[in-house]
C-alpha atoms as a PDB file:
ATOM      1  CA  MET A   1       0.000   0.000   0.000  1.00  0.00           C
ATOM      2  CA  ALA A   2       2.894   2.350   0.739  1.00  0.00           C
ATOM      3  CA  HIS A   3       4.414   1.666  -2.681  1.00  0.00           C
ATOM      4  CA  ALA A   4       1.021   2.264  -4.304  1.00  0.00           C
ATOM      5  CA  ALA A   5       1.003   5.728  -2.721  1.00  0.00           C
ATOM      6  CA  GLY A   6       4.535   6.485  -3.932  1.00  0.00           C
ATOM      7  CA  MET A   7       5.987   5.957  -0.451  1.00  0.00           C
ATOM      8  CA  THR A   8       8.434   3.533   1.138  1.00  0.00           C
ATOM      9  CA  LEU A   9       8.037   1.615   4.402  1.00  0.00           C
ATOM     10  CA  THR A  10      11.370   0.427   5.769  1.00  0.00           C
ATOM     11  CA  ALA A  11      12.016  -2.626   7.924  1.00  0.00           C
ATOM     12  CA  GLU A  12      12.860  -0.215  10.747  1.00  0.00           C
ATOM     13  CA  GLY A  13       9.318   1.209  10.679  1.00  0.00           C
ATOM     14  CA  GLU A  14      10.061   4.469   8.841  1.00  0.00           C
ATOM     15  CA  LEU A  15       7.472   5.661   6.329  1.00  0.00           C
ATOM     16  CA  LEU A  16       9.251   7.747   3.680  1.00  0.00           C
ATOM     17  CA  ALA A  17       8.022  10.123   0.991  1.00  0.00           C
ATOM     18  CA  ASP A  18      10.576  11.578  -1.446  1.00  0.00           C
ATOM     19  CA  GLY A  19      13.312  10.251   0.833  1.00  0.00           C
ATOM     20  CA  ALA A  20      12.045  12.160   3.889  1.00  0.00           C
ATOM     21  CA  VAL A  21      10.629  10.457   6.984  1.00  0.00           C
ATOM     22  CA  VAL A  22       6.889  11.146   7.269  1.00  0.00           C
ATOM     23  CA  ARG A  23       6.242   8.984  10.332  1.00  0.00           C
ATOM     24  CA  ARG A  24       8.022   6.411  12.428  1.00  0.00           C
ATOM     25  CA  PHE A  25       6.215   3.303  13.600  1.00  0.00           C
ATOM     26  CA  ARG A  26       7.110   0.314  15.701  1.00  0.00           C
ATOM     27  CA  PRO A  27       8.835  -2.185  13.390  1.00  0.00           C
ATOM     28  CA  ALA A  28       7.309  -5.590  12.783  1.00  0.00           C
ATOM     29  CA  ARG A  29       8.171  -8.333  15.239  1.00  0.00           C
ATOM     30  CA  ASN A  30       8.708 -11.816  13.831  1.00  0.00           C
ATOM     31  CA  ASP A  31       7.592 -10.442  10.449  1.00  0.00           C
ATOM     32  CA  LYS A  32       4.179  -9.439  11.842  1.00  0.00           C
ATOM     33  CA  LEU A  33       2.612  -6.078  12.661  1.00  0.00           C
ATOM     34  CA  GLU A  34       0.238  -5.493  15.536  1.00  0.00           C
ATOM     35  CA  ASP A  35      -3.283  -4.485  14.438  1.00  0.00           C
ATOM     36  CA  VAL A  36      -2.979  -0.981  15.878  1.00  0.00           C
ATOM     37  CA  ASP A  37       0.323  -0.339  14.048  1.00  0.00           C
ATOM     38  CA  TYR A  38      -1.035  -1.713  10.799  1.00  0.00           C
ATOM     39  CA  PHE A  39      -4.067   0.581  10.864  1.00  0.00           C
ATOM     40  CA  ASP A  40      -1.953   3.587  11.904  1.00  0.00           C
ATOM     41  CA  ILE A  41       0.285   3.038   8.884  1.00  0.00           C
ATOM     42  CA  LEU A  42      -2.731   2.715   6.578  1.00  0.00           C
ATOM     43  CA  ASP A  43      -4.182   5.965   7.942  1.00  0.00           C
ATOM     44  CA  CYS A  44      -0.916   7.815   7.314  1.00  0.00           C
ATOM     45  CA  ILE A  45      -0.685   6.462   3.757  1.00  0.00           C
ATOM     46  CA  ARG A  46      -4.303   7.444   3.040  1.00  0.00           C
ATOM     47  CA  GLU A  47      -3.733  10.949   4.362  1.00  0.00           C
ATOM     48  CA  PHE A  48      -0.641  11.347   2.179  1.00  0.00           C
ATOM     49  CA  ARG A  49      -2.424  10.149  -0.995  1.00  0.00           C
ATOM     50  CA  GLY A  50      -5.685  12.007  -0.281  1.00  0.00           C
ATOM     51  CA  ASP A  51      -7.874   9.878  -2.565  1.00  0.00           C
ATOM     52  CA  ASP A  52      -8.960   6.481  -1.272  1.00  0.00           C
ATOM     53  CA  VAL A  53     -10.344   5.127  -4.551  1.00  0.00           C
ATOM     54  CA  ALA A  54      -7.248   6.132  -6.517  1.00  0.00           C
ATOM     55  CA  LEU A  55      -5.086   4.517  -3.844  1.00  0.00           C
ATOM     56  CA  LEU A  56      -7.152   1.313  -3.985  1.00  0.00           C
ATOM     57  CA  ASP A  57      -6.755   1.209  -7.752  1.00  0.00           C
ATOM     58  CA  ALA A  58      -2.977   1.682  -7.533  1.00  0.00           C
ATOM     59  CA  TYR A  59      -2.749  -0.975  -4.825  1.00  0.00           C
ATOM     60  CA  ALA A  60      -4.841  -3.500  -6.781  1.00  0.00           C
ATOM     61  CA  GLU A  61      -2.659  -2.924  -9.832  1.00  0.00           C
ATOM     62  CA  GLN A  62       0.544  -3.442  -7.877  1.00  0.00           C
ATOM     63  CA  VAL A  63      -0.245  -6.321  -5.528  1.00  0.00           C
ATOM     64  CA  GLN A  64       0.546  -9.726  -7.047  1.00  0.00           C
ATOM     65  CA  ALA A  65      -0.093 -13.331  -6.123  1.00  0.00           C
ATOM     66  CA  ASP A  66       3.714 -13.697  -6.023  1.00  0.00           C
ATOM     67  CA  HIS A  67       3.708 -11.533  -2.884  1.00  0.00           C
ATOM     68  CA  LEU A  68       2.051 -14.475  -1.078  1.00  0.00           C
ATOM     69  CA  GLY A  69       5.106 -16.699  -1.512  1.00  0.00           C
ATOM     70  CA  VAL A  70       4.380 -20.417  -1.773  1.00  0.00           C
ATOM     71  CA  LEU A  71       0.645 -19.761  -1.431  1.00  0.00           C
ATOM     72  CA  GLY A  72       0.826 -17.427  -4.412  1.00  0.00           C
ATOM     73  CA  LEU A  73       2.510 -20.133  -6.481  1.00  0.00           C
ATOM     74  CA  ALA A  74      -0.179 -22.638  -5.472  1.00  0.00           C
ATOM     75  CA  ILE A  75      -2.880 -20.140  -6.456  1.00  0.00           C
ATOM     76  CA  LYS A  76      -1.361 -19.380  -9.869  1.00  0.00           C
ATOM     77  CA  THR A  77      -0.674 -22.999 -10.827  1.00  0.00           C
ATOM     78  CA  ALA A  78      -4.013 -24.474  -9.717  1.00  0.00           C
ATOM     79  CA  PRO A  79      -5.829 -25.807 -12.802  1.00  0.00           C
ATOM     80  CA  THR A  80      -8.990 -23.686 -12.407  1.00  0.00           C
ATOM     81  CA  LEU A  81     -10.149 -20.517 -10.710  1.00  0.00           C
ATOM     82  CA  ARG A  82     -12.257 -22.633  -8.348  1.00  0.00           C
ATOM     83  CA  GLU A  83      -9.187 -24.545  -7.164  1.00  0.00           C
ATOM     84  CA  SER A  84      -7.235 -21.298  -6.783  1.00  0.00           C
ATOM     85  CA  LEU A  85      -9.927 -19.870  -4.509  1.00  0.00           C
ATOM     86  CA  GLN A  86     -10.142 -23.120  -2.560  1.00  0.00           C
ATOM     87  CA  ARG A  87      -6.432 -22.751  -1.783  1.00  0.00           C
ATOM     88  CA  VAL A  88      -7.033 -19.159  -0.693  1.00  0.00           C
ATOM     89  CA  GLU A  89      -9.870 -20.325   1.544  1.00  0.00           C
ATOM     90  CA  ARG A  90      -7.841 -23.047   3.221  1.00  0.00           C
ATOM     91  CA  TYR A  91      -4.354 -21.578   3.485  1.00  0.00           C
ATOM     92  CA  TYR A  92      -4.733 -17.814   3.833  1.00  0.00           C
ATOM     93  CA  ARG A  93      -4.194 -18.071   7.597  1.00  0.00           C
ATOM     94  CA  LEU A  94      -0.541 -18.707   6.759  1.00  0.00           C
ATOM     95  CA  VAL A  95      -0.419 -15.083   5.555  1.00  0.00           C
ATOM     96  CA  THR A  96      -2.423 -13.326   8.271  1.00  0.00           C
ATOM     97  CA  ASP A  97      -4.588 -14.139  11.258  1.00  0.00           C
ATOM     98  CA  THR A  98      -6.706 -10.981  10.900  1.00  0.00           C
ATOM     99  CA  ALA A  99      -8.906 -12.131   8.003  1.00  0.00           C
ATOM    100  CA  VAL A 100     -10.166 -15.211   6.206  1.00  0.00           C
ATOM    101  CA  TYR A 101     -11.649 -15.811   2.773  1.00  0.00           C
ATOM    102  CA  ARG A 102     -14.596 -18.148   2.363  1.00  0.00           C
ATOM    103  CA  LEU A 103     -15.816 -19.616  -0.938  1.00  0.00           C
ATOM    104  CA  ASP A 104     -19.594 -20.085  -0.963  1.00  0.00           C
ATOM    105  CA  VAL A 105     -20.729 -22.155  -3.950  1.00  0.00           C
ATOM    106  CA  LYS A 106     -24.127 -23.243  -2.646  1.00  0.00           C
ATOM    107  CA  GLY A 107     -26.124 -20.915  -4.910  1.00  0.00           C
ATOM    108  CA  ASP A 108     -26.047 -18.743  -7.993  1.00  0.00           C
ATOM    109  CA  PRO A 109     -24.124 -16.480  -7.846  1.00  0.00           C
ATOM    110  CA  ALA A 110     -21.197 -17.983  -5.975  1.00  0.00           C
ATOM    111  CA  PHE A 111     -19.303 -15.745  -3.568  1.00  0.00           C
ATOM    112  CA  LEU A 112     -15.731 -15.193  -2.495  1.00  0.00           C
ATOM    113  CA  ILE A 113     -16.456 -13.746   0.954  1.00  0.00           C
ATOM    114  CA  PHE A 114     -13.956 -11.699   2.944  1.00  0.00           C
ATOM    115  CA  GLU A 115     -14.379 -12.009   6.715  1.00  0.00           C
ATOM    116  CA  PRO A 116     -12.216  -9.739   8.891  1.00  0.00           C
ATOM    117  CA  ARG A 117     -11.023 -11.140  12.208  1.00  0.00           C
ATOM    118  CA  SER A 118      -9.735  -7.805  13.522  1.00  0.00           C
ATOM    119  CA  ALA A 119     -11.209  -5.757  16.319  1.00  0.00           C
ATOM    120  CA  HIS A 120     -13.237  -2.792  15.134  1.00  0.00           C
ATOM    121  CA  ASN A 121     -11.214   0.084  13.728  1.00  0.00           C
ATOM    122  CA  ALA A 122     -12.202   3.178  11.771  1.00  0.00           C
ATOM    123  CA  THR A 123      -9.851   2.136   8.933  1.00  0.00           C
ATOM    124  CA  LEU A 124     -11.362  -1.338   8.628  1.00  0.00           C
ATOM    125  CA  GLU A 125     -13.687  -0.297   5.781  1.00  0.00           C
ATOM    126  CA  PHE A 126     -10.752   0.859   3.667  1.00  0.00           C
ATOM    127  CA  ARG A 127      -8.797  -2.321   4.476  1.00  0.00           C
ATOM    128  CA  ASN A 128     -11.775  -4.464   3.407  1.00  0.00           C
ATOM    129  CA  GLU A 129     -12.091  -2.563   0.132  1.00  0.00           C
ATOM    130  CA  GLY A 130      -8.389  -3.014  -0.528  1.00  0.00           C
ATOM    131  CA  ALA A 131      -8.551  -6.748   0.170  1.00  0.00           C
ATOM    132  CA  LEU A 132     -11.318  -7.347  -2.362  1.00  0.00           C
ATOM    133  CA  ALA A 133      -9.850  -4.923  -4.916  1.00  0.00           C
ATOM    134  CA  GLY A 134      -6.535  -6.783  -4.797  1.00  0.00           C
ATOM    135  CA  PHE A 135      -8.154 -10.191  -5.158  1.00  0.00           C
ATOM    136  CA  ALA A 136     -10.500  -9.024  -7.908  1.00  0.00           C
ATOM    137  CA  ARG A 137      -7.577  -7.761  -9.991  1.00  0.00           C
ATOM    138  CA  ASN A 138      -5.587 -10.948  -9.410  1.00  0.00           C
ATOM    139  CA  MET A 139      -8.536 -13.182 -10.309  1.00  0.00           C
ATOM    140  CA  HIS A 140      -8.595 -11.455 -13.702  1.00  0.00           C
ATOM    141  CA  ARG A 141      -4.846 -12.022 -14.032  1.00  0.00           C
ATOM    142  CA  LEU A 142      -5.314 -15.727 -13.296  1.00  0.00           C
ATOM    143  CA  VAL A 143      -7.858 -16.530 -16.003  1.00  0.00           C
ATOM    144  CA  GLY A 144      -7.847 -13.570 -18.403  1.00  0.00           C
ATOM    145  CA  SER A 145     -10.586 -11.512 -19.999  1.00  0.00           C
ATOM    146  CA  ASP A 146     -13.260 -14.241 -19.941  1.00  0.00           C
ATOM    147  CA  LEU A 147     -13.870 -13.634 -16.242  1.00  0.00           C
ATOM    148  CA  ALA A 148     -16.767 -11.342 -15.365  1.00  0.00           C
ATOM    149  CA  PHE A 149     -18.075 -10.459 -11.924  1.00  0.00           C
ATOM    150  CA  GLU A 150     -21.795 -10.185 -11.233  1.00  0.00           C
ATOM    151  CA  PHE A 151     -21.253  -7.615  -8.515  1.00  0.00           C
ATOM    152  CA  VAL A 152     -19.146  -6.719  -5.477  1.00  0.00           C
ATOM    153  CA  SER A 153     -20.761  -5.944  -2.120  1.00  0.00           C
ATOM    154  CA  PHE A 154     -19.662  -4.289   1.126  1.00  0.00           C
ATOM    155  CA  ARG A 155     -21.324  -4.142   4.499  1.00  0.00           C
ATOM    156  CA  HIS A 156     -20.393  -0.517   5.140  1.00  0.00           C
ATOM    157  CA  THR A 157     -21.852   2.573   3.506  1.00  0.00           C
ATOM    158  CA  CYS A 158     -20.274   4.138   0.435  1.00  0.00           C
ATOM    159  CA  ARG A 159     -17.520   6.640   1.267  1.00  0.00           C
ATOM    160  CA  SER A 160     -17.042   8.114  -2.229  1.00  0.00           C
ATOM    161  CA  ASP A 161     -18.680   8.296  -5.652  1.00  0.00           C
ATOM    162  CA  PRO A 162     -20.310   4.862  -6.300  1.00  0.00           C
ATOM    163  CA  ALA A 163     -19.435   5.134  -9.993  1.00  0.00           C
ATOM    164  CA  ARG A 164     -15.738   5.216  -9.139  1.00  0.00           C
ATOM    165  CA  TYR A 165     -16.069   1.922  -7.245  1.00  0.00           C
ATOM    166  CA  ALA A 166     -17.868   0.398 -10.232  1.00  0.00           C
ATOM    167  CA  ASP A 167     -14.951   1.479 -12.445  1.00  0.00           C
ATOM    168  CA  LEU A 168     -12.481   0.079  -9.911  1.00  0.00           C
ATOM    169  CA  PHE A 169     -14.058  -3.398  -9.895  1.00  0.00           C
ATOM    170  CA  GLY A 170     -15.460  -3.423 -13.432  1.00  0.00           C
ATOM    171  CA  CYS A 171     -18.928  -4.354 -12.201  1.00  0.00           C
ATOM    172  CA  PRO A 172     -21.787  -2.987 -10.063  1.00  0.00           C
ATOM    173  CA  VAL A 173     -20.810  -2.377  -6.419  1.00  0.00           C
ATOM    174  CA  SER A 174     -23.405  -2.325  -3.628  1.00  0.00           C
ATOM    175  CA  PHE A 175     -23.019  -0.994  -0.094  1.00  0.00           C
ATOM    176  CA  GLY A 176     -24.920  -1.698   3.121  1.00  0.00           C
ATOM    177  CA  SER A 177     -24.986  -5.395   2.210  1.00  0.00           C
ATOM    178  CA  ASP A 178     -24.838  -8.406   4.527  1.00  0.00           C
ATOM    179  CA  ARG A 179     -21.347  -9.430   3.365  1.00  0.00           C
ATOM    180  CA  ASP A 180     -18.063  -8.202   1.906  1.00  0.00           C
ATOM    181  CA  ALA A 181     -17.838 -10.341  -1.198  1.00  0.00           C
ATOM    182  CA  ILE A 182     -17.173 -10.803  -4.899  1.00  0.00           C
ATOM    183  CA  ALA A 183     -20.067 -12.495  -6.720  1.00  0.00           C
ATOM    184  CA  VAL A 184     -19.574 -14.605  -9.857  1.00  0.00           C
ATOM    185  CA  ARG A 185     -21.717 -16.985 -11.835  1.00  0.00           C
ATOM    186  CA  PRO A 186     -20.777 -20.583 -10.871  1.00  0.00           C
ATOM    187  CA  HIS A 187     -19.500 -21.510 -14.339  1.00  0.00           C
ATOM    188  CA  MET A 188     -16.862 -18.779 -14.052  1.00  0.00           C
ATOM    189  CA  LEU A 189     -15.182 -20.800 -11.315  1.00  0.00           C
ATOM    190  CA  ASP A 190     -14.404 -23.519 -13.858  1.00  0.00           C
ATOM    191  CA  LEU A 191     -12.373 -21.217 -16.107  1.00  0.00           C
ATOM    192  CA  SER A 192      -8.842 -22.526 -16.629  1.00  0.00           C
ATOM    193  CA  ASN A 193      -5.946 -20.616 -15.124  1.00  0.00           C
ATOM    194  CA  ARG A 194      -3.455 -19.363 -17.706  1.00  0.00           C
ATOM    195  CA  LEU A 195      -0.516 -20.758 -15.699  1.00  0.00           C
ATOM    196  CA  GLY A 196      -2.332 -23.844 -14.435  1.00  0.00           C
ATOM    197  CA  ASP A 197      -0.038 -26.810 -13.800  1.00  0.00           C
ATOM    198  CA  ALA A 198      -1.557 -29.550 -11.675  1.00  0.00           C
ATOM    199  CA  ALA A 199       1.783 -31.208 -10.858  1.00  0.00           C
ATOM    200  CA  VAL A 200       3.382 -27.987  -9.618  1.00  0.00           C
ATOM    201  CA  SER A 201       0.239 -26.989  -7.738  1.00  0.00           C
ATOM    202  CA  ASP A 202       0.018 -30.346  -5.974  1.00  0.00           C
ATOM    203  CA  PHE A 203       3.690 -30.165  -4.999  1.00  0.00           C
ATOM    204  CA  VAL A 204       3.448 -26.732  -3.399  1.00  0.00           C
ATOM    205  CA  THR A 205       0.084 -27.596  -1.832  1.00  0.00           C
ATOM    206  CA  ASP A 206       1.755 -30.485  -0.002  1.00  0.00           C
ATOM    207  CA  HIS A 207       4.224 -27.938   1.396  1.00  0.00           C
ATOM    208  CA  LEU A 208       1.371 -25.642   2.429  1.00  0.00           C
ATOM    209  CA  GLU A 209      -0.411 -28.512   4.130  1.00  0.00           C
ATOM    210  CA  ALA A 210       2.640 -29.181   6.282  1.00  0.00           C
ATOM    211  CA  GLU A 211       2.891 -25.493   7.187  1.00  0.00           C
ATOM    212  CA  PHE A 212      -0.813 -25.366   7.940  1.00  0.00           C
ATOM    213  CA  GLY A 213      -0.581 -28.351  10.269  1.00  0.00           C
ATOM    214  CA  SER A 214       2.262 -26.666  12.154  1.00  0.00           C
ATOM    215  CA  LEU A 215       0.209 -23.486  12.472  1.00  0.00           C
ATOM    216  CA  ASP A 216      -2.720 -25.366  13.941  1.00  0.00           C
ATOM    217  CA  LYS A 217      -0.457 -26.988  16.511  1.00  0.00           C
ATOM    218  CA  ASP A 218       1.048 -23.672  17.626  1.00  0.00           C
ATOM    219  CA  ALA A 219      -2.118 -21.593  17.935  1.00  0.00           C
ATOM    220  CA  SER A 220      -4.440 -22.043  20.884  1.00  0.00           C
ATOM    221  CA  LEU A 221      -8.052 -22.885  20.158  1.00  0.00           C
ATOM    222  CA  ALA A 222      -9.149 -19.886  22.229  1.00  0.00           C
ATOM    223  CA  ASN A 223      -7.188 -17.459  20.013  1.00  0.00           C
ATOM    224  CA  LYS A 224      -8.578 -19.052  16.856  1.00  0.00           C
ATOM    225  CA  LEU A 225     -12.084 -18.694  18.247  1.00  0.00           C
ATOM    226  CA  ILE A 226     -11.600 -15.050  19.212  1.00  0.00           C
ATOM    227  CA  HIS A 227     -10.506 -14.150  15.666  1.00  0.00           C
ATOM    228  CA  ARG A 228     -13.463 -16.080  14.253  1.00  0.00           C
ATOM    229  CA  LEU A 229     -16.038 -14.677  16.677  1.00  0.00           C
ATOM    230  CA  THR A 230     -15.178 -10.960  16.681  1.00  0.00           C
ATOM    231  CA  PRO A 231     -16.703  -9.933  13.322  1.00  0.00           C
ATOM    232  CA  THR A 232     -19.901 -11.961  13.928  1.00  0.00           C
ATOM    233  CA  LEU A 233     -20.889 -10.490  17.291  1.00  0.00           C
ATOM    234  CA  SER A 234     -23.142  -7.787  15.829  1.00  0.00           C
ATOM    235  CA  ASN A 235     -25.425 -10.593  14.612  1.00  0.00           C
ATOM    236  CA  GLY A 236     -25.999 -11.759  18.198  1.00  0.00           C
ATOM    237  CA  LEU A 237     -24.277 -14.277  20.417  1.00  0.00           C
ATOM    238  CA  PRO A 238     -22.867 -17.140  18.342  1.00  0.00           C
ATOM    239  CA  GLN A 239     -23.944 -20.691  18.988  1.00  0.00           C
ATOM    240  CA  ALA A 240     -21.227 -23.152  19.941  1.00  0.00           C
ATOM    241  CA  ALA A 241     -22.681 -25.846  17.684  1.00  0.00           C
ATOM    242  CA  ALA A 242     -22.499 -23.603  14.602  1.00  0.00           C
ATOM    243  CA  ILE A 243     -18.958 -22.436  15.389  1.00  0.00           C
ATOM    244  CA  ALA A 244     -17.794 -26.006  15.991  1.00  0.00           C
ATOM    245  CA  ARG A 245     -19.314 -27.129  12.691  1.00  0.00           C
ATOM    246  CA  ASP A 246     -17.574 -24.288  10.824  1.00  0.00           C
ATOM    247  CA  MET A 247     -14.271 -25.374  12.389  1.00  0.00           C
ATOM    248  CA  GLY A 248     -14.755 -28.989  11.354  1.00  0.00           C
ATOM    249  CA  MET A 249     -15.393 -30.508  14.787  1.00  0.00           C
ATOM    250  CA  SER A 250     -18.280 -31.560  16.983  1.00  0.00           C
ATOM    251  CA  GLU A 251     -19.650 -29.329  19.723  1.00  0.00           C
ATOM    252  CA  ARG A 252     -18.485 -31.870  22.292  1.00  0.00           C
ATOM    253  CA  THR A 253     -14.922 -31.795  20.887  1.00  0.00           C
ATOM    254  CA  LEU A 254     -14.950 -28.003  20.992  1.00  0.00           C
ATOM    255  CA  TYR A 255     -15.906 -28.023  24.679  1.00  0.00           C
ATOM    256  CA  ARG A 256     -13.311 -30.696  25.491  1.00  0.00           C
ATOM    257  CA  ARG A 257     -10.464 -28.854  23.753  1.00  0.00           C
ATOM    258  CA  LEU A 258     -11.362 -25.580  25.438  1.00  0.00           C
ATOM    259  CA  ALA A 259     -11.488 -27.337  28.800  1.00  0.00           C
ATOM    260  CA  LYS A 260      -7.887 -28.459  28.251  1.00  0.00           C
ATOM    261  CA  GLU A 261      -7.017 -24.741  28.008  1.00  0.00           C
ATOM    262  CA  GLY A 262      -8.957 -24.068  31.212  1.00  0.00           C
ATOM    263  CA  LEU A 263     -11.757 -22.234  29.424  1.00  0.00           C
ATOM    264  CA  THR A 264     -15.418 -22.518  28.498  1.00  0.00           C
ATOM    265  CA  PHE A 265     -17.003 -21.362  25.266  1.00  0.00           C
ATOM    266  CA  ARG A 266     -18.672 -18.537  27.194  1.00  0.00           C
ATOM    267  CA  ASP A 267     -15.259 -17.442  28.499  1.00  0.00           C
ATOM    268  CA  VAL A 268     -13.952 -17.081  24.948  1.00  0.00           C
ATOM    269  CA  VAL A 269     -17.069 -15.216  23.773  1.00  0.00           C
ATOM    270  CA  GLY A 270     -16.574 -12.834  26.699  1.00  0.00           C
ATOM    271  CA  ARG A 271     -12.940 -12.239  25.731  1.00  0.00           C
ATOM    272  CA  ALA A 272     -13.960 -11.443  22.153  1.00  0.00           C
ATOM    273  CA  GLN A 273     -16.704  -9.101  23.367  1.00  0.00           C
ATOM    274  CA  SER A 274     -14.389  -7.373  25.833  1.00  0.00           C
ATOM    275  CA  ALA A 275     -11.607  -6.823  23.296  1.00  0.00           C
ATOM    276  CA  LEU A 276     -13.997  -5.472  20.668  1.00  0.00           C
ATOM    277  CA  ALA A 277     -15.806  -3.214  23.156  1.00  0.00           C
ATOM    278  CA  GLN A 278     -12.563  -1.735  24.476  1.00  0.00           C
ATOM    279  CA  GLU A 279     -11.308  -1.095  20.939  1.00  0.00           C
ATOM    280  CA  MET A 280     -14.495   0.705  19.929  1.00  0.00           C
ATOM    281  CA  LEU A 281     -14.619   2.784  23.114  1.00  0.00           C
ATOM    282  CA  ARG A 282     -10.965   3.720  22.664  1.00  0.00           C
ATOM    283  CA  GLU A 283     -10.839   4.338  18.912  1.00  0.00           C
ATOM    284  CA  SER A 284     -14.320   5.432  17.811  1.00  0.00           C
ATOM    285  CA  ASP A 285     -17.059   7.851  18.798  1.00  0.00           C
ATOM    286  CA  VAL A 286     -19.995   5.453  18.445  1.00  0.00           C
ATOM    287  CA  SER A 287     -22.450   5.578  21.309  1.00  0.00           C
ATOM    288  CA  ILE A 288     -22.300   3.103  24.173  1.00  0.00           C
ATOM    289  CA  ALA A 289     -25.656   1.745  23.018  1.00  0.00           C
ATOM    290  CA  GLU A 290     -24.137   1.025  19.605  1.00  0.00           C
ATOM    291  CA  VAL A 291     -21.101  -0.615  21.203  1.00  0.00           C
ATOM    292  CA  ALA A 292     -23.480  -2.843  23.152  1.00  0.00           C
ATOM    293  CA  PHE A 293     -25.299  -3.869  19.976  1.00  0.00           C
ATOM    294  CA  LEU A 294     -22.112  -4.451  17.979  1.00  0.00           C
ATOM    295  CA  THR A 295     -20.716  -6.734  20.679  1.00  0.00           C
ATOM    296  CA  GLY A 296     -23.811  -8.938  20.789  1.00  0.00           C
ATOM    297  CA  PHE A 297     -25.912  -7.430  23.579  1.00  0.00           C
ATOM    298  CA  SER A 298     -29.593  -6.600  23.175  1.00  0.00           C
ATOM    299  CA  GLU A 299     -29.644  -4.249  26.190  1.00  0.00           C
ATOM    300  CA  GLN A 300     -27.179  -1.495  27.063  1.00  0.00           C
ATOM    301  CA  SER A 301     -27.622  -2.161  30.779  1.00  0.00           C
ATOM    302  CA  THR A 302     -26.603  -5.807  30.362  1.00  0.00           C
ATOM    303  CA  PHE A 303     -23.552  -4.761  28.357  1.00  0.00           C
ATOM    304  CA  SER A 304     -22.552  -2.170  30.983  1.00  0.00           C
ATOM    305  CA  ARG A 305     -22.671  -4.746  33.776  1.00  0.00           C
ATOM    306  CA  ALA A 306     -20.626  -7.216  31.740  1.00  0.00           C
ATOM    307  CA  PHE A 307     -18.072  -4.554  30.787  1.00  0.00           C
ATOM    308  CA  LYS A 308     -17.602  -3.532  34.406  1.00  0.00           C
ATOM    309  CA  ARG A 309     -17.050  -7.182  35.289  1.00  0.00           C
ATOM    310  CA  TRP A 310     -14.416  -7.529  32.537  1.00  0.00           C
ATOM    311  CA  VAL A 311     -12.543  -4.267  32.989  1.00  0.00           C
ATOM    312  CA  GLY A 312     -13.464  -3.020  36.469  1.00  0.00           C
ATOM    313  CA  GLN A 313     -14.932   0.211  35.074  1.00  0.00           C
ATOM    314  CA  ALA A 314     -18.193   1.319  33.512  1.00  0.00           C
ATOM    315  CA  PRO A 315     -17.958   1.905  29.719  1.00  0.00           C
ATOM    316  CA  ALA A 316     -18.328   5.689  30.026  1.00  0.00           C
ATOM    317  CA  GLN A 317     -15.606   5.897  32.685  1.00  0.00           C
ATOM    318  CA  PHE A 318     -13.285   3.726  30.574  1.00  0.00           C
ATOM    319  CA  ARG A 319     -13.834   5.976  27.537  1.00  0.00           C
ATOM    320  CA  ARG A 320     -13.146   9.153  29.535  1.00  0.00           C
ATOM    321  CA  GLU A 321      -9.924   7.801  31.011  1.00  0.00           C
ATOM    322  CA  VAL A 322      -8.448   6.507  27.746  1.00  0.00           C
ATOM    323  CA  ALA A 323      -9.277   9.839  26.111  1.00  0.00           C
ATOM    324  CA  ASP A 324      -7.278  11.804  28.729  1.00  0.00           C
END
């Protein structure tokens, strides 16, 4: 994104424009940025460029599947677009733990759905637009001009001229939807990739599978659940059975594995709610009633009691103190 804006971000955390330091940030640790640093950098880049849609277009043009390393190679060499997106769906957690892609082929159109796993942040809407813009452009690179999108949708409201977003994606773009997604007719998923090579794709997929297994061993189930739960809380409290099914296990197995970590499912839901509530109270100006709703509570009073139990302060007091 920095390069797309004509800037440079160094390994030491310096954001440069025309060789001069614009801002200094905490450098990445173990090749990963903390959420708050990532969004701070995005905000600075956006302010420098001054035109979000133009920046998204430049980013989508620049970002390449090759930037994803072995995963990028597996995506490019998969025989069809469907198999490329299946690899994205399964292995994208090797790239980041703040978002997942989900391929929904149950109906017509089919959807490549982007699901953020980050706590709420004012820059999240821009990040979500950038994620889908980058993938949309790369999907066209994979299969060529035969690919056509039905539409692209975002859950947030439009922040610029809708026509510019339609030009960016090459299709209608809707806002205020129930998902962040790219919609295609199912037969488009069977288009052949220009660089498809089943033997190469299978070889690198075996490597990804080994990496994926190692990732699953290292990460606690509680942390995986928190990332999965956070963006769904505004739809109400999640059901353990549905979450377990999405994660490929039974509800009983979910409870047993959490118990080994000394936790219950309700404990993990509370952690996700607490983290999201604190982030919104700290970083946004939405009302406490809205924070309650977005963290899965139907009543503000119930949320306030829970928040005081988690943090030791009422929501309003917490907001005042972090603002000082």
